[in-house]
């Protein structure tokens, strides 16, 4: 339940106008940074990053140690009201010192949010 409340608060903040991009952050040598994409067509809001410590910097950014994680997000597509955000999930592996952009596309049936991890730079 706690994750659900955090996710709803994050979604509300994002809809209000948070716009963090991967090139706006600098990674540390001991952590990786996950940044949800914010484009004219979709915004990616972090719900949870399982299996590790996390530092929520904003609804679209988290800092995590290197490792494997189960990532869950809300995908807020521009042509849908925020209340119709679609959940997406993906197992990811990250390395310290890198920034990873979380990219989202809608499935052909428009009921799923497909995630890709870009970057690692």
C-alpha atoms as a PDB file:
ATOM      1  CA  UNK A   1       0.000   0.000   0.000  1.00  0.00           C
ATOM      2  CA  UNK A   2       2.841   2.401   0.855  1.00  0.00           C
ATOM      3  CA  UNK A   3       4.271   2.012  -2.682  1.00  0.00           C
ATOM      4  CA  UNK A   4       0.841   2.832  -4.105  1.00  0.00           C
ATOM      5  CA  UNK A   5       0.583   6.062  -2.108  1.00  0.00           C
ATOM      6  CA  UNK A   6       4.117   7.087  -3.096  1.00  0.00           C
ATOM      7  CA  UNK A   7       3.317   6.305  -6.727  1.00  0.00           C
ATOM      8  CA  UNK A   8       0.126   8.384  -6.665  1.00  0.00           C
ATOM      9  CA  UNK A   9       1.971  11.300  -5.056  1.00  0.00           C
ATOM     10  CA  UNK A  10       4.727  10.980  -7.670  1.00  0.00           C
ATOM     11  CA  UNK A  11       2.151  10.918 -10.459  1.00  0.00           C
ATOM     12  CA  UNK A  12       0.492  14.062  -9.127  1.00  0.00           C
ATOM     13  CA  UNK A  13       3.836  15.872  -8.906  1.00  0.00           C
ATOM     14  CA  UNK A  14       4.797  14.818 -12.408  1.00  0.00           C
ATOM     15  CA  UNK A  15       1.541  15.952 -13.939  1.00  0.00           C
ATOM     16  CA  UNK A  16       2.107  19.279 -12.203  1.00  0.00           C
ATOM     17  CA  UNK A  17       5.205  19.769 -14.329  1.00  0.00           C
ATOM     18  CA  UNK A  18       8.371  17.974 -13.183  1.00  0.00           C
ATOM     19  CA  UNK A  19      10.712  17.707 -16.171  1.00  0.00           C
ATOM     20  CA  UNK A  20      14.011  16.013 -15.323  1.00  0.00           C
ATOM     21  CA  UNK A  21      16.150  14.680 -18.182  1.00  0.00           C
ATOM     22  CA  UNK A  22      19.080  12.260 -18.168  1.00  0.00           C
ATOM     23  CA  UNK A  23      21.463  15.025 -19.249  1.00  0.00           C
ATOM     24  CA  UNK A  24      20.425  17.085 -16.194  1.00  0.00           C
ATOM     25  CA  UNK A  25      22.140  14.705 -13.735  1.00  0.00           C
ATOM     26  CA  UNK A  26      25.669  13.588 -12.948  1.00  0.00           C
ATOM     27  CA  UNK A  27      26.240  10.055 -11.611  1.00  0.00           C
ATOM     28  CA  UNK A  28      28.560   9.198  -8.740  1.00  0.00           C
ATOM     29  CA  UNK A  29      31.204   6.519  -8.990  1.00  0.00           C
ATOM     30  CA  UNK A  30      29.311   4.275  -6.532  1.00  0.00           C
ATOM     31  CA  UNK A  31      25.732   4.727  -7.743  1.00  0.00           C
ATOM     32  CA  UNK A  32      23.655   4.540 -10.926  1.00  0.00           C
ATOM     33  CA  UNK A  33      20.939   7.032 -11.751  1.00  0.00           C
ATOM     34  CA  UNK A  34      17.581   6.046 -13.281  1.00  0.00           C
ATOM     35  CA  UNK A  35      15.688   8.843 -15.032  1.00  0.00           C
ATOM     36  CA  UNK A  36      12.155   8.457 -16.360  1.00  0.00           C
ATOM     37  CA  UNK A  37      11.784  10.002 -19.800  1.00  0.00           C
ATOM     38  CA  UNK A  38       9.675  13.114 -20.220  1.00  0.00           C
ATOM     39  CA  UNK A  39       8.671  13.741 -23.841  1.00  0.00           C
ATOM     40  CA  UNK A  40       5.710  15.427 -25.513  1.00  0.00           C
ATOM     41  CA  UNK A  41       4.047  12.015 -25.940  1.00  0.00           C
ATOM     42  CA  UNK A  42       4.825  10.218 -22.659  1.00  0.00           C
ATOM     43  CA  UNK A  43       6.118  10.771 -19.139  1.00  0.00           C
ATOM     44  CA  UNK A  44       7.603   7.923 -17.109  1.00  0.00           C
ATOM     45  CA  UNK A  45       6.938   8.111 -13.346  1.00  0.00           C
ATOM     46  CA  UNK A  46       8.880   5.766 -11.065  1.00  0.00           C
ATOM     47  CA  UNK A  47       6.778   3.563  -8.797  1.00  0.00           C
ATOM     48  CA  UNK A  48       9.406   1.241  -7.358  1.00  0.00           C
ATOM     49  CA  UNK A  49      12.862  -0.206  -7.841  1.00  0.00           C
ATOM     50  CA  UNK A  50      12.934  -3.538  -5.992  1.00  0.00           C
ATOM     51  CA  UNK A  51      15.924  -5.406  -4.550  1.00  0.00           C
ATOM     52  CA  UNK A  52      18.028  -2.541  -3.330  1.00  0.00           C
ATOM     53  CA  UNK A  53      18.393   0.734  -1.533  1.00  0.00           C
ATOM     54  CA  UNK A  54      17.053   3.692  -3.439  1.00  0.00           C
ATOM     55  CA  UNK A  55      17.141   7.422  -3.094  1.00  0.00           C
ATOM     56  CA  UNK A  56      14.109   9.132  -4.637  1.00  0.00           C
ATOM     57  CA  UNK A  57      15.237  12.484  -5.945  1.00  0.00           C
ATOM     58  CA  UNK A  58      12.008  13.231  -7.808  1.00  0.00           C
ATOM     59  CA  UNK A  59       9.065  11.370  -9.354  1.00  0.00           C
ATOM     60  CA  UNK A  60      11.255  10.745 -12.400  1.00  0.00           C
ATOM     61  CA  UNK A  61      14.669  10.063 -10.806  1.00  0.00           C
ATOM     62  CA  UNK A  62      16.170   7.500  -8.433  1.00  0.00           C
ATOM     63  CA  UNK A  63      19.751   6.751  -7.418  1.00  0.00           C
ATOM     64  CA  UNK A  64      20.593   3.076  -6.835  1.00  0.00           C
ATOM     65  CA  UNK A  65      23.685   0.958  -6.197  1.00  0.00           C
ATOM     66  CA  UNK A  66      24.859  -1.204  -9.113  1.00  0.00           C
ATOM     67  CA  UNK A  67      22.900  -4.427  -9.550  1.00  0.00           C
ATOM     68  CA  UNK A  68      19.781  -6.080 -10.926  1.00  0.00           C
ATOM     69  CA  UNK A  69      16.362  -4.604 -10.188  1.00  0.00           C
ATOM     70  CA  UNK A  70      12.687  -5.082 -10.881  1.00  0.00           C
ATOM     71  CA  UNK A  71      11.569  -1.667 -12.083  1.00  0.00           C
ATOM     72  CA  UNK A  72       7.921  -0.546 -12.014  1.00  0.00           C
ATOM     73  CA  UNK A  73       6.662   2.720 -13.487  1.00  0.00           C
ATOM     74  CA  UNK A  74       3.541   4.581 -14.542  1.00  0.00           C
ATOM     75  CA  UNK A  75       3.501   5.651 -18.186  1.00  0.00           C
ATOM     76  CA  UNK A  76       1.438   8.809 -18.607  1.00  0.00           C
ATOM     77  CA  UNK A  77       0.634   9.137 -22.301  1.00  0.00           C
ATOM     78  CA  UNK A  78      -0.319  12.587 -23.592  1.00  0.00           C
ATOM     79  CA  UNK A  79      -3.502  11.386 -25.273  1.00  0.00           C
ATOM     80  CA  UNK A  80      -4.863   9.878 -22.023  1.00  0.00           C
ATOM     81  CA  UNK A  81      -5.875  11.589 -18.775  1.00  0.00           C
ATOM     82  CA  UNK A  82      -3.343  11.032 -15.928  1.00  0.00           C
ATOM     83  CA  UNK A  83      -5.877   8.811 -14.145  1.00  0.00           C
ATOM     84  CA  UNK A  84      -5.500   6.360 -17.069  1.00  0.00           C
ATOM     85  CA  UNK A  85      -1.732   5.954 -16.665  1.00  0.00           C
ATOM     86  CA  UNK A  86      -0.521   2.504 -17.717  1.00  0.00           C
ATOM     87  CA  UNK A  87       1.828   0.483 -15.522  1.00  0.00           C
ATOM     88  CA  UNK A  88       5.042  -0.848 -16.997  1.00  0.00           C
ATOM     89  CA  UNK A  89       7.680  -3.136 -15.555  1.00  0.00           C
ATOM     90  CA  UNK A  90      11.072  -4.497 -16.546  1.00  0.00           C
ATOM     91  CA  UNK A  91      14.001  -6.314 -14.970  1.00  0.00           C
ATOM     92  CA  UNK A  92      17.115  -4.192 -15.419  1.00  0.00           C
ATOM     93  CA  UNK A  93      20.849  -4.318 -14.670  1.00  0.00           C
ATOM     94  CA  UNK A  94      22.766  -1.114 -13.938  1.00  0.00           C
ATOM     95  CA  UNK A  95      26.400  -0.210 -13.317  1.00  0.00           C
ATOM     96  CA  UNK A  96      27.789   2.473 -11.012  1.00  0.00           C
ATOM     97  CA  UNK A  97      28.774   5.767 -12.579  1.00  0.00           C
ATOM     98  CA  UNK A  98      26.111   5.617 -15.293  1.00  0.00           C
ATOM     99  CA  UNK A  99      22.860   7.443 -16.024  1.00  0.00           C
ATOM    100  CA  UNK A 100      20.060   5.336 -17.527  1.00  0.00           C
ATOM    101  CA  UNK A 101      17.066   6.849 -19.317  1.00  0.00           C
ATOM    102  CA  UNK A 102      13.836   4.848 -18.959  1.00  0.00           C
ATOM    103  CA  UNK A 103      12.034   5.042 -22.313  1.00  0.00           C
ATOM    104  CA  UNK A 104       8.410   4.030 -22.818  1.00  0.00           C
ATOM    105  CA  UNK A 105       6.219   3.073 -25.756  1.00  0.00           C
ATOM    106  CA  UNK A 106       2.646   1.837 -25.827  1.00  0.00           C
ATOM    107  CA  UNK A 107       1.906  -1.654 -27.081  1.00  0.00           C
ATOM    108  CA  UNK A 108      -0.104  -2.168 -30.265  1.00  0.00           C
ATOM    109  CA  UNK A 109      -3.201  -3.038 -28.236  1.00  0.00           C
ATOM    110  CA  UNK A 110      -2.633   0.233 -26.267  1.00  0.00           C
ATOM    111  CA  UNK A 111      -3.003  -1.595 -22.940  1.00  0.00           C
ATOM    112  CA  UNK A 112       0.654  -2.074 -21.997  1.00  0.00           C
ATOM    113  CA  UNK A 113       3.616   0.179 -21.461  1.00  0.00           C
ATOM    114  CA  UNK A 114       6.801  -1.280 -22.967  1.00  0.00           C
ATOM    115  CA  UNK A 115      10.032  -0.132 -21.322  1.00  0.00           C
ATOM    116  CA  UNK A 116      13.574   0.181 -22.597  1.00  0.00           C
ATOM    117  CA  UNK A 117      16.687   1.277 -20.760  1.00  0.00           C
ATOM    118  CA  UNK A 118      18.849   3.645 -22.727  1.00  0.00           C
ATOM    119  CA  UNK A 119      22.208   5.121 -21.923  1.00  0.00           C
ATOM    120  CA  UNK A 120      24.632   3.605 -19.531  1.00  0.00           C
ATOM    121  CA  UNK A 121      26.874   6.578 -20.270  1.00  0.00           C
END
